[in-house]
PDB file of all heavy atoms in Angstrom:
ATOM      1  N   HIS A   1      26.902 -72.100 -49.907  1.00  0.00           N
ATOM      2  CA  HIS A   1      25.506 -71.902 -50.295  1.00  0.00           C
ATOM      3  C   HIS A   1      24.852 -70.889 -49.353  1.00  0.00           C
ATOM      4  O   HIS A   1      25.449 -70.448 -48.386  1.00  0.00           O
ATOM      5  CB  HIS A   1      24.738 -73.229 -50.294  1.00  0.00           C
ATOM      6  CG  HIS A   1      24.740 -73.947 -48.984  1.00  0.00           C
ATOM      7  ND1 HIS A   1      25.517 -75.062 -48.733  1.00  0.00           N
ATOM      8  CD2 HIS A   1      24.060 -73.722 -47.816  1.00  0.00           C
ATOM      9  CE1 HIS A   1      25.314 -75.499 -47.506  1.00  0.00           C
ATOM     10  NE2 HIS A   1      24.422 -74.691 -46.921  1.00  0.00           N
ATOM     11  N   GLY A   2      23.621 -70.532 -49.644  1.00  0.00           N
ATOM     12  CA  GLY A   2      22.907 -69.547 -48.850  1.00  0.00           C
ATOM     13  C   GLY A   2      22.510 -70.069 -47.477  1.00  0.00           C
ATOM     14  O   GLY A   2      22.160 -71.246 -47.331  1.00  0.00           O
ATOM     15  N   GLN A   3      22.517 -69.201 -46.486  1.00  0.00           N
ATOM     16  CA  GLN A   3      22.198 -69.621 -45.116  1.00  0.00           C
ATOM     17  C   GLN A   3      20.756 -70.091 -44.981  1.00  0.00           C
ATOM     18  O   GLN A   3      20.433 -70.899 -44.118  1.00  0.00           O
ATOM     19  CB  GLN A   3      22.483 -68.487 -44.130  1.00  0.00           C
ATOM     20  CG  GLN A   3      21.669 -67.229 -44.353  1.00  0.00           C
ATOM     21  CD  GLN A   3      22.031 -66.131 -43.361  1.00  0.00           C
ATOM     22  OE1 GLN A   3      21.155 -65.448 -42.821  1.00  0.00           O
ATOM     23  NE2 GLN A   3      23.321 -65.966 -43.120  1.00  0.00           N
ATOM     24  N   GLY A   4      19.875 -69.612 -45.877  1.00  0.00           N
ATOM     25  CA  GLY A   4      18.487 -70.067 -45.854  1.00  0.00           C
ATOM     26  C   GLY A   4      18.295 -71.440 -46.464  1.00  0.00           C
ATOM     27  O   GLY A   4      17.219 -72.038 -46.342  1.00  0.00           O
ATOM     28  N   SER A   5      19.338 -71.963 -47.096  1.00  0.00           N
ATOM     29  CA  SER A   5      19.232 -73.260 -47.752  1.00  0.00           C
ATOM     30  C   SER A   5      19.581 -74.432 -46.847  1.00  0.00           C
ATOM     31  O   SER A   5      19.247 -75.576 -47.157  1.00  0.00           O
ATOM     32  CB  SER A   5      20.142 -73.297 -48.997  1.00  0.00           C
ATOM     33  OG  SER A   5      19.607 -72.496 -50.018  1.00  0.00           O
ATOM     34  N   GLY A   6      20.249 -74.160 -45.747  1.00  0.00           N
ATOM     35  CA  GLY A   6      20.627 -75.244 -44.854  1.00  0.00           C
ATOM     36  C   GLY A   6      21.972 -74.987 -44.212  1.00  0.00           C
ATOM     37  O   GLY A   6      22.610 -73.958 -44.465  1.00  0.00           O
ATOM     38  N   ASN A   7      22.397 -75.903 -43.352  1.00  0.00           N
ATOM     39  CA  ASN A   7      23.669 -75.763 -42.647  1.00  0.00           C
ATOM     40  C   ASN A   7      24.818 -76.340 -43.483  1.00  0.00           C
ATOM     41  O   ASN A   7      25.316 -75.687 -44.380  1.00  0.00           O
ATOM     42  CB  ASN A   7      23.584 -76.402 -41.266  1.00  0.00           C
ATOM     43  CG  ASN A   7      22.616 -75.671 -40.359  1.00  0.00           C
ATOM     44  OD1 ASN A   7      22.557 -74.445 -40.370  1.00  0.00           O
ATOM     45  ND2 ASN A   7      21.853 -76.408 -39.567  1.00  0.00           N
ATOM     46  N   ASP A   8      25.221 -77.567 -43.183  1.00  0.00           N
ATOM     47  CA  ASP A   8      26.273 -78.183 -43.986  1.00  0.00           C
ATOM     48  C   ASP A   8      25.747 -78.565 -45.366  1.00  0.00           C
ATOM     49  O   ASP A   8      26.439 -78.398 -46.369  1.00  0.00           O
ATOM     50  CB  ASP A   8      26.813 -79.424 -43.263  1.00  0.00           C
ATOM     51  CG  ASP A   8      27.849 -80.160 -44.082  1.00  0.00           C
ATOM     52  OD1 ASP A   8      28.723 -79.493 -44.665  1.00  0.00           O
ATOM     53  OD2 ASP A   8      27.789 -81.399 -44.147  1.00  0.00           O
ATOM     54  N   MET A   9      24.525 -79.070 -45.421  1.00  0.00           N
ATOM     55  CA  MET A   9      23.912 -79.479 -46.684  1.00  0.00           C
ATOM     56  C   MET A   9      22.850 -78.473 -47.101  1.00  0.00           C
ATOM     57  O   MET A   9      22.069 -77.997 -46.273  1.00  0.00           O
ATOM     58  CB  MET A   9      23.259 -80.853 -46.546  1.00  0.00           C
ATOM     59  CG  MET A   9      24.213 -81.981 -46.200  1.00  0.00           C
ATOM     60  SD  MET A   9      25.332 -82.412 -47.546  1.00  0.00           S
ATOM     61  CE  MET A   9      24.178 -82.958 -48.800  1.00  0.00           C
ATOM     62  N   ALA A  10      22.824 -78.153 -48.374  1.00  0.00           N
ATOM     63  CA  ALA A  10      21.770 -77.290 -48.915  1.00  0.00           C
ATOM     64  C   ALA A  10      20.567 -78.146 -49.255  1.00  0.00           C
ATOM     65  O   ALA A  10      20.654 -79.053 -50.079  1.00  0.00           O
ATOM     66  CB  ALA A  10      22.272 -76.567 -50.153  1.00  0.00           C
ATOM     67  N   THR A  11      19.447 -77.882 -48.602  1.00  0.00           N
ATOM     68  CA  THR A  11      18.246 -78.698 -48.800  1.00  0.00           C
ATOM     69  C   THR A  11      17.052 -77.899 -49.326  1.00  0.00           C
ATOM     70  O   THR A  11      16.061 -78.490 -49.759  1.00  0.00           O
ATOM     71  CB  THR A  11      17.837 -79.376 -47.482  1.00  0.00           C
ATOM     72  OG1 THR A  11      17.643 -78.371 -46.477  1.00  0.00           O
ATOM     73  CG2 THR A  11      18.930 -80.342 -47.012  1.00  0.00           C
ATOM     74  N   SER A  12      17.124 -76.564 -49.279  1.00  0.00           N
ATOM     75  CA  SER A  12      16.018 -75.716 -49.734  1.00  0.00           C
ATOM     76  C   SER A  12      16.560 -74.678 -50.708  1.00  0.00           C
ATOM     77  O   SER A  12      17.643 -74.130 -50.498  1.00  0.00           O
ATOM     78  CB  SER A  12      15.351 -75.011 -48.553  1.00  0.00           C
ATOM     79  OG  SER A  12      14.848 -75.958 -47.628  1.00  0.00           O
ATOM     80  N   PHE A  13      15.767 -74.387 -51.739  1.00  0.00           N
ATOM     81  CA  PHE A  13      16.220 -73.460 -52.768  1.00  0.00           C
ATOM     82  C   PHE A  13      15.090 -72.504 -53.132  1.00  0.00           C
ATOM     83  O   PHE A  13      13.919 -72.881 -53.104  1.00  0.00           O
ATOM     84  CB  PHE A  13      16.694 -74.228 -54.004  1.00  0.00           C
ATOM     85  CG  PHE A  13      17.752 -75.245 -53.683  1.00  0.00           C
ATOM     86  CD1 PHE A  13      17.405 -76.568 -53.448  1.00  0.00           C
ATOM     87  CD2 PHE A  13      19.079 -74.878 -53.588  1.00  0.00           C
ATOM     88  CE1 PHE A  13      18.370 -77.513 -53.132  1.00  0.00           C
ATOM     89  CE2 PHE A  13      20.055 -75.810 -53.276  1.00  0.00           C
ATOM     90  CZ  PHE A  13      19.705 -77.127 -53.046  1.00  0.00           C
ATOM     91  N   SER A  14      15.453 -71.274 -53.460  1.00  0.00           N
ATOM     92  CA  SER A  14      14.435 -70.270 -53.764  1.00  0.00           C
ATOM     93  C   SER A  14      15.017 -69.180 -54.654  1.00  0.00           C
ATOM     94  O   SER A  14      16.224 -68.925 -54.637  1.00  0.00           O
ATOM     95  CB  SER A  14      13.911 -69.648 -52.465  1.00  0.00           C
ATOM     96  OG  SER A  14      13.032 -68.571 -52.739  1.00  0.00           O
ATOM     97  N   ASP A  15      14.132 -68.544 -55.419  1.00  0.00           N
ATOM     98  CA  ASP A  15      14.519 -67.394 -56.235  1.00  0.00           C
ATOM     99  C   ASP A  15      13.875 -66.120 -55.700  1.00  0.00           C
ATOM    100  O   ASP A  15      13.792 -65.109 -56.381  1.00  0.00           O
ATOM    101  CB  ASP A  15      14.083 -67.638 -57.692  1.00  0.00           C
ATOM    102  CG  ASP A  15      14.734 -66.672 -58.667  1.00  0.00           C
ATOM    103  OD1 ASP A  15      15.873 -66.231 -58.401  1.00  0.00           O
ATOM    104  OD2 ASP A  15      14.105 -66.359 -59.700  1.00  0.00           O
ATOM    105  N   THR A  16      13.421 -66.189 -54.450  1.00  0.00           N
ATOM    106  CA  THR A  16      12.701 -65.065 -53.835  1.00  0.00           C
ATOM    107  C   THR A  16      13.661 -64.125 -53.129  1.00  0.00           C
ATOM    108  O   THR A  16      14.582 -64.561 -52.432  1.00  0.00           O
ATOM    109  CB  THR A  16      11.667 -65.594 -52.821  1.00  0.00           C
ATOM    110  OG1 THR A  16      10.791 -66.501 -53.483  1.00  0.00           O
ATOM    111  CG2 THR A  16      10.863 -64.448 -52.221  1.00  0.00           C
ATOM    112  N   ASN A  17      13.428 -62.839 -53.306  1.00  0.00           N
ATOM    113  CA  ASN A  17      14.263 -61.825 -52.668  1.00  0.00           C
ATOM    114  C   ASN A  17      14.197 -61.954 -51.142  1.00  0.00           C
ATOM    115  O   ASN A  17      13.142 -62.229 -50.573  1.00  0.00           O
ATOM    116  CB  ASN A  17      13.792 -60.428 -53.095  1.00  0.00           C
ATOM    117  CG  ASN A  17      14.810 -59.365 -52.769  1.00  0.00           C
ATOM    118  OD1 ASN A  17      16.010 -59.635 -52.724  1.00  0.00           O
ATOM    119  ND2 ASN A  17      14.335 -58.156 -52.529  1.00  0.00           N
ATOM    120  N   GLU A  18      15.329 -61.770 -50.475  1.00  0.00           N
ATOM    121  CA  GLU A  18      15.469 -61.843 -49.017  1.00  0.00           C
ATOM    122  C   GLU A  18      15.279 -63.250 -48.455  1.00  0.00           C
ATOM    123  O   GLU A  18      15.190 -63.421 -47.243  1.00  0.00           O
ATOM    124  CB  GLU A  18      14.485 -60.880 -48.324  1.00  0.00           C
ATOM    125  CG  GLU A  18      14.643 -59.422 -48.727  1.00  0.00           C
ATOM    126  CD  GLU A  18      16.035 -58.863 -48.430  1.00  0.00           C
ATOM    127  OE1 GLU A  18      16.671 -59.329 -47.466  1.00  0.00           O
ATOM    128  OE2 GLU A  18      16.484 -57.978 -49.172  1.00  0.00           O
ATOM    129  N   SER A  19      15.204 -64.255 -49.309  1.00  0.00           N
ATOM    130  CA  SER A  19      15.092 -65.630 -48.803  1.00  0.00           C
ATOM    131  C   SER A  19      16.437 -66.133 -48.283  1.00  0.00           C
ATOM    132  O   SER A  19      16.485 -67.076 -47.480  1.00  0.00           O
ATOM    133  CB  SER A  19      14.598 -66.567 -49.908  1.00  0.00           C
ATOM    134  OG  SER A  19      15.573 -66.707 -50.936  1.00  0.00           O
ATOM    135  N   HIS A  20      17.512 -65.528 -48.749  1.00  0.00           N
ATOM    136  CA  HIS A  20      18.873 -65.943 -48.393  1.00  0.00           C
ATOM    137  C   HIS A  20      19.132 -67.398 -48.770  1.00  0.00           C
ATOM    138  O   HIS A  20      19.963 -68.061 -48.153  1.00  0.00           O
ATOM    139  CB  HIS A  20      19.157 -65.713 -46.905  1.00  0.00           C
ATOM    140  CG  HIS A  20      19.173 -64.275 -46.512  1.00  0.00           C
ATOM    141  ND1 HIS A  20      19.340 -63.860 -45.214  1.00  0.00           N
ATOM    142  CD2 HIS A  20      19.026 -63.143 -47.257  1.00  0.00           C
ATOM    143  CE1 HIS A  20      19.288 -62.530 -45.159  1.00  0.00           C
ATOM    144  NE2 HIS A  20      19.099 -62.084 -46.394  1.00  0.00           N
ATOM    145  N   GLN A  21      18.393 -67.862 -49.775  1.00  0.00           N
ATOM    146  CA  GLN A  21      18.588 -69.228 -50.255  1.00  0.00           C
ATOM    147  C   GLN A  21      19.300 -69.237 -51.607  1.00  0.00           C
ATOM    148  O   GLN A  21      19.218 -68.262 -52.370  1.00  0.00           O
ATOM    149  CB  GLN A  21      17.238 -69.942 -50.391  1.00  0.00           C
ATOM    150  CG  GLN A  21      16.533 -70.190 -49.070  1.00  0.00           C
ATOM    151  CD  GLN A  21      15.269 -71.011 -49.236  1.00  0.00           C
ATOM    152  OE1 GLN A  21      15.074 -71.705 -50.236  1.00  0.00           O
ATOM    153  NE2 GLN A  21      14.382 -70.946 -48.251  1.00  0.00           N
ATOM    154  N   SER A  22      19.982 -70.320 -51.861  1.00  0.00           N
ATOM    155  CA  SER A  22      20.609 -70.508 -53.169  1.00  0.00           C
ATOM    156  C   SER A  22      19.548 -70.843 -54.205  1.00  0.00           C
ATOM    157  O   SER A  22      18.463 -71.327 -53.864  1.00  0.00           O
ATOM    158  CB  SER A  22      21.642 -71.634 -53.098  1.00  0.00           C
ATOM    159  OG  SER A  22      22.696 -71.307 -52.220  1.00  0.00           O
ATOM    160  N   SER A  23      19.870 -70.592 -55.467  1.00  0.00           N
ATOM    161  CA  SER A  23      18.946 -70.861 -56.570  1.00  0.00           C
ATOM    162  C   SER A  23      19.585 -71.846 -57.533  1.00  0.00           C
ATOM    163  O   SER A  23      20.743 -71.682 -57.923  1.00  0.00           O
ATOM    164  CB  SER A  23      18.604 -69.571 -57.320  1.00  0.00           C
ATOM    165  OG  SER A  23      18.036 -68.614 -56.447  1.00  0.00           O
ATOM    166  N   LEU A  24      18.817 -72.846 -57.925  1.00  0.00           N
ATOM    167  CA  LEU A  24      19.316 -73.867 -58.842  1.00  0.00           C
ATOM    168  C   LEU A  24      19.231 -73.407 -60.290  1.00  0.00           C
ATOM    169  O   LEU A  24      18.507 -72.476 -60.623  1.00  0.00           O
ATOM    170  CB  LEU A  24      18.503 -75.155 -58.680  1.00  0.00           C
ATOM    171  CG  LEU A  24      18.494 -75.806 -57.304  1.00  0.00           C
ATOM    172  CD1 LEU A  24      17.625 -77.055 -57.329  1.00  0.00           C
ATOM    173  CD2 LEU A  24      19.902 -76.132 -56.837  1.00  0.00           C
ATOM    174  N   GLY A  25      19.980 -74.107 -61.150  1.00  0.00           N
ATOM    175  CA  GLY A  25      19.807 -73.913 -62.575  1.00  0.00           C
ATOM    176  C   GLY A  25      20.995 -73.347 -63.315  1.00  0.00           C
ATOM    177  O   GLY A  25      22.105 -73.242 -62.793  1.00  0.00           O
ATOM    178  N   PHE A  26      20.708 -72.963 -64.560  1.00  0.00           N
ATOM    179  CA  PHE A  26      21.735 -72.449 -65.463  1.00  0.00           C
ATOM    180  C   PHE A  26      21.797 -70.925 -65.420  1.00  0.00           C
ATOM    181  O   PHE A  26      20.772 -70.246 -65.431  1.00  0.00           O
ATOM    182  CB  PHE A  26      21.460 -72.918 -66.893  1.00  0.00           C
ATOM    183  CG  PHE A  26      21.653 -74.397 -67.072  1.00  0.00           C
ATOM    184  CD1 PHE A  26      20.568 -75.258 -67.027  1.00  0.00           C
ATOM    185  CD2 PHE A  26      22.919 -74.921 -67.264  1.00  0.00           C
ATOM    186  CE1 PHE A  26      20.739 -76.623 -67.172  1.00  0.00           C
ATOM    187  CE2 PHE A  26      23.101 -76.295 -67.408  1.00  0.00           C
ATOM    188  CZ  PHE A  26      22.015 -77.146 -67.367  1.00  0.00           C
ATOM    189  N   TYR A  27      23.025 -70.435 -65.398  1.00  0.00           N
ATOM    190  CA  TYR A  27      23.300 -69.001 -65.398  1.00  0.00           C
ATOM    191  C   TYR A  27      24.327 -68.698 -66.486  1.00  0.00           C
ATOM    192  O   TYR A  27      25.017 -69.596 -66.978  1.00  0.00           O
ATOM    193  CB  TYR A  27      23.930 -68.555 -64.079  1.00  0.00           C
ATOM    194  CG  TYR A  27      23.150 -68.769 -62.810  1.00  0.00           C
ATOM    195  CD1 TYR A  27      23.067 -70.027 -62.225  1.00  0.00           C
ATOM    196  CD2 TYR A  27      22.537 -67.694 -62.145  1.00  0.00           C
ATOM    197  CE1 TYR A  27      22.388 -70.224 -61.029  1.00  0.00           C
ATOM    198  CE2 TYR A  27      21.860 -67.877 -60.949  1.00  0.00           C
ATOM    199  CZ  TYR A  27      21.790 -69.145 -60.393  1.00  0.00           C
ATOM    200  OH  TYR A  27      21.123 -69.328 -59.204  1.00  0.00           O
ATOM    201  N   LEU A  28      24.448 -67.411 -66.789  1.00  0.00           N
ATOM    202  CA  LEU A  28      25.600 -66.920 -67.530  1.00  0.00           C
ATOM    203  C   LEU A  28      26.443 -66.102 -66.562  1.00  0.00           C
ATOM    204  O   LEU A  28      25.934 -65.194 -65.901  1.00  0.00           O
ATOM    205  CB  LEU A  28      25.181 -66.058 -68.716  1.00  0.00           C
ATOM    206  CG  LEU A  28      24.508 -66.777 -69.892  1.00  0.00           C
ATOM    207  CD1 LEU A  28      24.169 -65.774 -70.982  1.00  0.00           C
ATOM    208  CD2 LEU A  28      25.386 -67.896 -70.442  1.00  0.00           C
ATOM    209  N   ALA A  29      27.712 -66.457 -66.452  1.00  0.00           N
ATOM    210  CA  ALA A  29      28.650 -65.659 -65.656  1.00  0.00           C
ATOM    211  C   ALA A  29      29.019 -64.454 -66.513  1.00  0.00           C
ATOM    212  O   ALA A  29      29.647 -64.601 -67.561  1.00  0.00           O
ATOM    213  CB  ALA A  29      29.885 -66.493 -65.318  1.00  0.00           C
ATOM    214  N   ASP A  30      28.634 -63.269 -66.062  1.00  0.00           N
ATOM    215  CA  ASP A  30      28.676 -62.108 -66.953  1.00  0.00           C
ATOM    216  C   ASP A  30      29.810 -61.136 -66.643  1.00  0.00           C
ATOM    217  O   ASP A  30      30.974 -61.444 -66.839  1.00  0.00           O
ATOM    218  CB  ASP A  30      27.320 -61.407 -66.926  1.00  0.00           C
ATOM    219  CG  ASP A  30      27.107 -60.491 -68.112  1.00  0.00           C
ATOM    220  OD1 ASP A  30      27.999 -60.401 -68.973  1.00  0.00           O
ATOM    221  OD2 ASP A  30      26.040 -59.868 -68.191  1.00  0.00           O
ATOM    222  N   ASP A  31      29.468 -59.982 -66.092  1.00  0.00           N
ATOM    223  CA  ASP A  31      30.434 -58.887 -65.985  1.00  0.00           C
ATOM    224  C   ASP A  31      30.997 -58.726 -64.572  1.00  0.00           C
ATOM    225  O   ASP A  31      30.396 -59.135 -63.583  1.00  0.00           O
ATOM    226  CB  ASP A  31      29.798 -57.567 -66.438  1.00  0.00           C
ATOM    227  CG  ASP A  31      28.561 -57.217 -65.638  1.00  0.00           C
ATOM    228  OD1 ASP A  31      27.657 -58.074 -65.531  1.00  0.00           O
ATOM    229  OD2 ASP A  31      28.492 -56.092 -65.089  1.00  0.00           O
ATOM    230  N   VAL A  32      32.150 -58.085 -64.504  1.00  0.00           N
ATOM    231  CA  VAL A  32      32.872 -57.870 -63.252  1.00  0.00           C
ATOM    232  C   VAL A  32      32.531 -56.491 -62.693  1.00  0.00           C
ATOM    233  O   VAL A  32      32.359 -55.528 -63.441  1.00  0.00           O
ATOM    234  CB  VAL A  32      34.393 -57.966 -63.499  1.00  0.00           C
ATOM    235  CG1 VAL A  32      35.169 -57.780 -62.195  1.00  0.00           C
ATOM    236  CG2 VAL A  32      34.745 -59.295 -64.146  1.00  0.00           C
ATOM    237  N   TYR A  33      32.414 -56.399 -61.367  1.00  0.00           N
ATOM    238  CA  TYR A  33      32.208 -55.115 -60.706  1.00  0.00           C
ATOM    239  C   TYR A  33      32.865 -55.154 -59.332  1.00  0.00           C
ATOM    240  O   TYR A  33      33.253 -56.218 -58.842  1.00  0.00           O
ATOM    241  CB  TYR A  33      30.711 -54.797 -60.574  1.00  0.00           C
ATOM    242  CG  TYR A  33      30.016 -55.576 -59.490  1.00  0.00           C
ATOM    243  CD1 TYR A  33      29.711 -54.983 -58.260  1.00  0.00           C
ATOM    244  CD2 TYR A  33      29.672 -56.921 -59.670  1.00  0.00           C
ATOM    245  CE1 TYR A  33      29.082 -55.710 -57.247  1.00  0.00           C
ATOM    246  CE2 TYR A  33      29.048 -57.641 -58.677  1.00  0.00           C
ATOM    247  CZ  TYR A  33      28.753 -57.036 -57.466  1.00  0.00           C
ATOM    248  OH  TYR A  33      28.149 -57.757 -56.462  1.00  0.00           O
ATOM    249  N   PHE A  34      33.007 -54.014 -58.725  1.00  0.00           N
ATOM    250  CA  PHE A  34      33.564 -53.929 -57.374  1.00  0.00           C
ATOM    251  C   PHE A  34      32.452 -53.527 -56.411  1.00  0.00           C
ATOM    252  O   PHE A  34      31.820 -52.491 -56.559  1.00  0.00           O
ATOM    253  CB  PHE A  34      34.711 -52.918 -57.330  1.00  0.00           C
ATOM    254  CG  PHE A  34      35.965 -53.417 -57.990  1.00  0.00           C
ATOM    255  CD1 PHE A  34      36.152 -53.279 -59.361  1.00  0.00           C
ATOM    256  CD2 PHE A  34      36.952 -54.048 -57.246  1.00  0.00           C
ATOM    257  CE1 PHE A  34      37.299 -53.742 -59.975  1.00  0.00           C
ATOM    258  CE2 PHE A  34      38.102 -54.518 -57.852  1.00  0.00           C
ATOM    259  CZ  PHE A  34      38.282 -54.366 -59.220  1.00  0.00           C
ATOM    260  N   GLY A  35      32.187 -54.378 -55.421  1.00  0.00           N
ATOM    261  CA  GLY A  35      31.127 -54.129 -54.455  1.00  0.00           C
ATOM    262  C   GLY A  35      31.621 -54.278 -53.039  1.00  0.00           C
ATOM    263  O   GLY A  35      32.827 -54.192 -52.772  1.00  0.00           O
ATOM    264  N   LYS A  36      30.713 -54.552 -52.108  1.00  0.00           N
ATOM    265  CA  LYS A  36      31.085 -54.651 -50.696  1.00  0.00           C
ATOM    266  C   LYS A  36      31.977 -55.851 -50.406  1.00  0.00           C
ATOM    267  O   LYS A  36      32.651 -55.888 -49.368  1.00  0.00           O
ATOM    268  CB  LYS A  36      29.830 -54.710 -49.828  1.00  0.00           C
ATOM    269  CG  LYS A  36      28.934 -55.923 -50.077  1.00  0.00           C
ATOM    270  CD  LYS A  36      27.706 -55.860 -49.180  1.00  0.00           C
ATOM    271  CE  LYS A  36      26.792 -57.063 -49.402  1.00  0.00           C
ATOM    272  NZ  LYS A  36      25.597 -57.008 -48.520  1.00  0.00           N
ATOM    273  N   HIS A  37      31.990 -56.809 -51.313  1.00  0.00           N
ATOM    274  CA  HIS A  37      32.859 -57.971 -51.153  1.00  0.00           C
ATOM    275  C   HIS A  37      34.112 -57.864 -52.024  1.00  0.00           C
ATOM    276  O   HIS A  37      34.824 -58.850 -52.200  1.00  0.00           O
ATOM    277  CB  HIS A  37      32.110 -59.263 -51.499  1.00  0.00           C
ATOM    278  CG  HIS A  37      30.933 -59.530 -50.624  1.00  0.00           C
ATOM    279  ND1 HIS A  37      31.048 -59.903 -49.301  1.00  0.00           N
ATOM    280  CD2 HIS A  37      29.603 -59.473 -50.885  1.00  0.00           C
ATOM    281  CE1 HIS A  37      29.840 -60.075 -48.776  1.00  0.00           C
ATOM    282  NE2 HIS A  37      28.946 -59.822 -49.719  1.00  0.00           N
ATOM    283  N   GLY A  38      34.347 -56.671 -52.569  1.00  0.00           N
ATOM    284  CA  GLY A  38      35.492 -56.505 -53.456  1.00  0.00           C
ATOM    285  C   GLY A  38      35.151 -56.890 -54.879  1.00  0.00           C
ATOM    286  O   GLY A  38      34.005 -56.772 -55.322  1.00  0.00           O
ATOM    287  N   ARG A  39      36.127 -57.358 -55.587  1.00  0.00           N
ATOM    288  CA  ARG A  39      35.940 -57.734 -56.993  1.00  0.00           C
ATOM    289  C   ARG A  39      34.989 -58.933 -57.071  1.00  0.00           C
ATOM    290  O   ARG A  39      35.232 -59.978 -56.476  1.00  0.00           O
ATOM    291  CB  ARG A  39      37.288 -58.084 -57.619  1.00  0.00           C
ATOM    292  CG  ARG A  39      37.260 -58.266 -59.137  1.00  0.00           C
ATOM    293  CD  ARG A  39      38.682 -58.268 -59.685  1.00  0.00           C
ATOM    294  NE  ARG A  39      38.694 -58.404 -61.131  1.00  0.00           N
ATOM    295  CZ  ARG A  39      39.116 -59.477 -61.796  1.00  0.00           C
ATOM    296  NH1 ARG A  39      39.564 -60.531 -61.114  1.00  0.00           N
ATOM    297  NH2 ARG A  39      39.097 -59.511 -63.111  1.00  0.00           N
ATOM    298  N   SER A  40      33.893 -58.755 -57.816  1.00  0.00           N
ATOM    299  CA  SER A  40      32.842 -59.768 -57.864  1.00  0.00           C
ATOM    300  C   SER A  40      32.352 -59.950 -59.300  1.00  0.00           C
ATOM    301  O   SER A  40      32.662 -59.149 -60.194  1.00  0.00           O
ATOM    302  CB  SER A  40      31.665 -59.369 -56.969  1.00  0.00           C
ATOM    303  OG  SER A  40      32.104 -59.112 -55.648  1.00  0.00           O
ATOM    304  N   LEU A  41      31.567 -60.994 -59.511  1.00  0.00           N
ATOM    305  CA  LEU A  41      31.103 -61.339 -60.854  1.00  0.00           C
ATOM    306  C   LEU A  41      29.591 -61.533 -60.845  1.00  0.00           C
ATOM    307  O   LEU A  41      29.061 -62.363 -60.098  1.00  0.00           O
ATOM    308  CB  LEU A  41      31.789 -62.633 -61.320  1.00  0.00           C
ATOM    309  CG  LEU A  41      31.469 -63.139 -62.726  1.00  0.00           C
ATOM    310  CD1 LEU A  41      32.005 -62.167 -63.780  1.00  0.00           C
ATOM    311  CD2 LEU A  41      32.067 -64.531 -62.934  1.00  0.00           C
ATOM    312  N   ARG A  42      28.892 -60.784 -61.680  1.00  0.00           N
ATOM    313  CA  ARG A  42      27.442 -60.899 -61.756  1.00  0.00           C
ATOM    314  C   ARG A  42      27.022 -62.158 -62.493  1.00  0.00           C
ATOM    315  O   ARG A  42      27.676 -62.597 -63.443  1.00  0.00           O
ATOM    316  CB  ARG A  42      26.839 -59.670 -62.451  1.00  0.00           C
ATOM    317  CG  ARG A  42      26.956 -58.382 -61.641  1.00  0.00           C
ATOM    318  CD  ARG A  42      26.156 -57.268 -62.297  1.00  0.00           C
ATOM    319  NE  ARG A  42      26.199 -56.032 -61.513  1.00  0.00           N
ATOM    320  CZ  ARG A  42      27.071 -55.048 -61.722  1.00  0.00           C
ATOM    321  NH1 ARG A  42      27.968 -55.154 -62.693  1.00  0.00           N
ATOM    322  NH2 ARG A  42      27.051 -53.966 -60.975  1.00  0.00           N
ATOM    323  N   LEU A  43      25.881 -62.713 -62.062  1.00  0.00           N
ATOM    324  CA  LEU A  43      25.300 -63.892 -62.687  1.00  0.00           C
ATOM    325  C   LEU A  43      23.914 -63.550 -63.232  1.00  0.00           C
ATOM    326  O   LEU A  43      23.115 -62.911 -62.546  1.00  0.00           O
ATOM    327  CB  LEU A  43      25.174 -65.039 -61.677  1.00  0.00           C
ATOM    328  CG  LEU A  43      26.464 -65.583 -61.074  1.00  0.00           C
ATOM    329  CD1 LEU A  43      26.137 -66.613 -59.994  1.00  0.00           C
ATOM    330  CD2 LEU A  43      27.355 -66.199 -62.145  1.00  0.00           C
ATOM    331  N   ASP A  44      23.631 -63.990 -64.442  1.00  0.00           N
ATOM    332  CA  ASP A  44      22.301 -63.840 -65.034  1.00  0.00           C
ATOM    333  C   ASP A  44      21.612 -65.202 -65.041  1.00  0.00           C
ATOM    334  O   ASP A  44      22.063 -66.134 -65.709  1.00  0.00           O
ATOM    335  CB  ASP A  44      22.395 -63.316 -66.471  1.00  0.00           C
ATOM    336  CG  ASP A  44      22.742 -61.839 -66.521  1.00  0.00           C
ATOM    337  OD1 ASP A  44      22.223 -61.087 -65.682  1.00  0.00           O
ATOM    338  OD2 ASP A  44      23.539 -61.453 -67.394  1.00  0.00           O
ATOM    339  N   GLY A  45      20.513 -65.334 -64.296  1.00  0.00           N
ATOM    340  CA  GLY A  45      19.775 -66.592 -64.252  1.00  0.00           C
ATOM    341  C   GLY A  45      18.977 -66.819 -65.526  1.00  0.00           C
ATOM    342  O   GLY A  45      18.277 -65.918 -65.995  1.00  0.00           O
TER     343      GLY A  45
END
């Protein structure tokens, strides 16, 4: 989970840019691209 959400347990969630928090809810796992982490998959919230 995001470092802004907590340490071992995720306790805070946000959809705000630069919050570094995870976001809850339903997504569509969409298209593949290559980025700084290599092969990755975009999510649409």
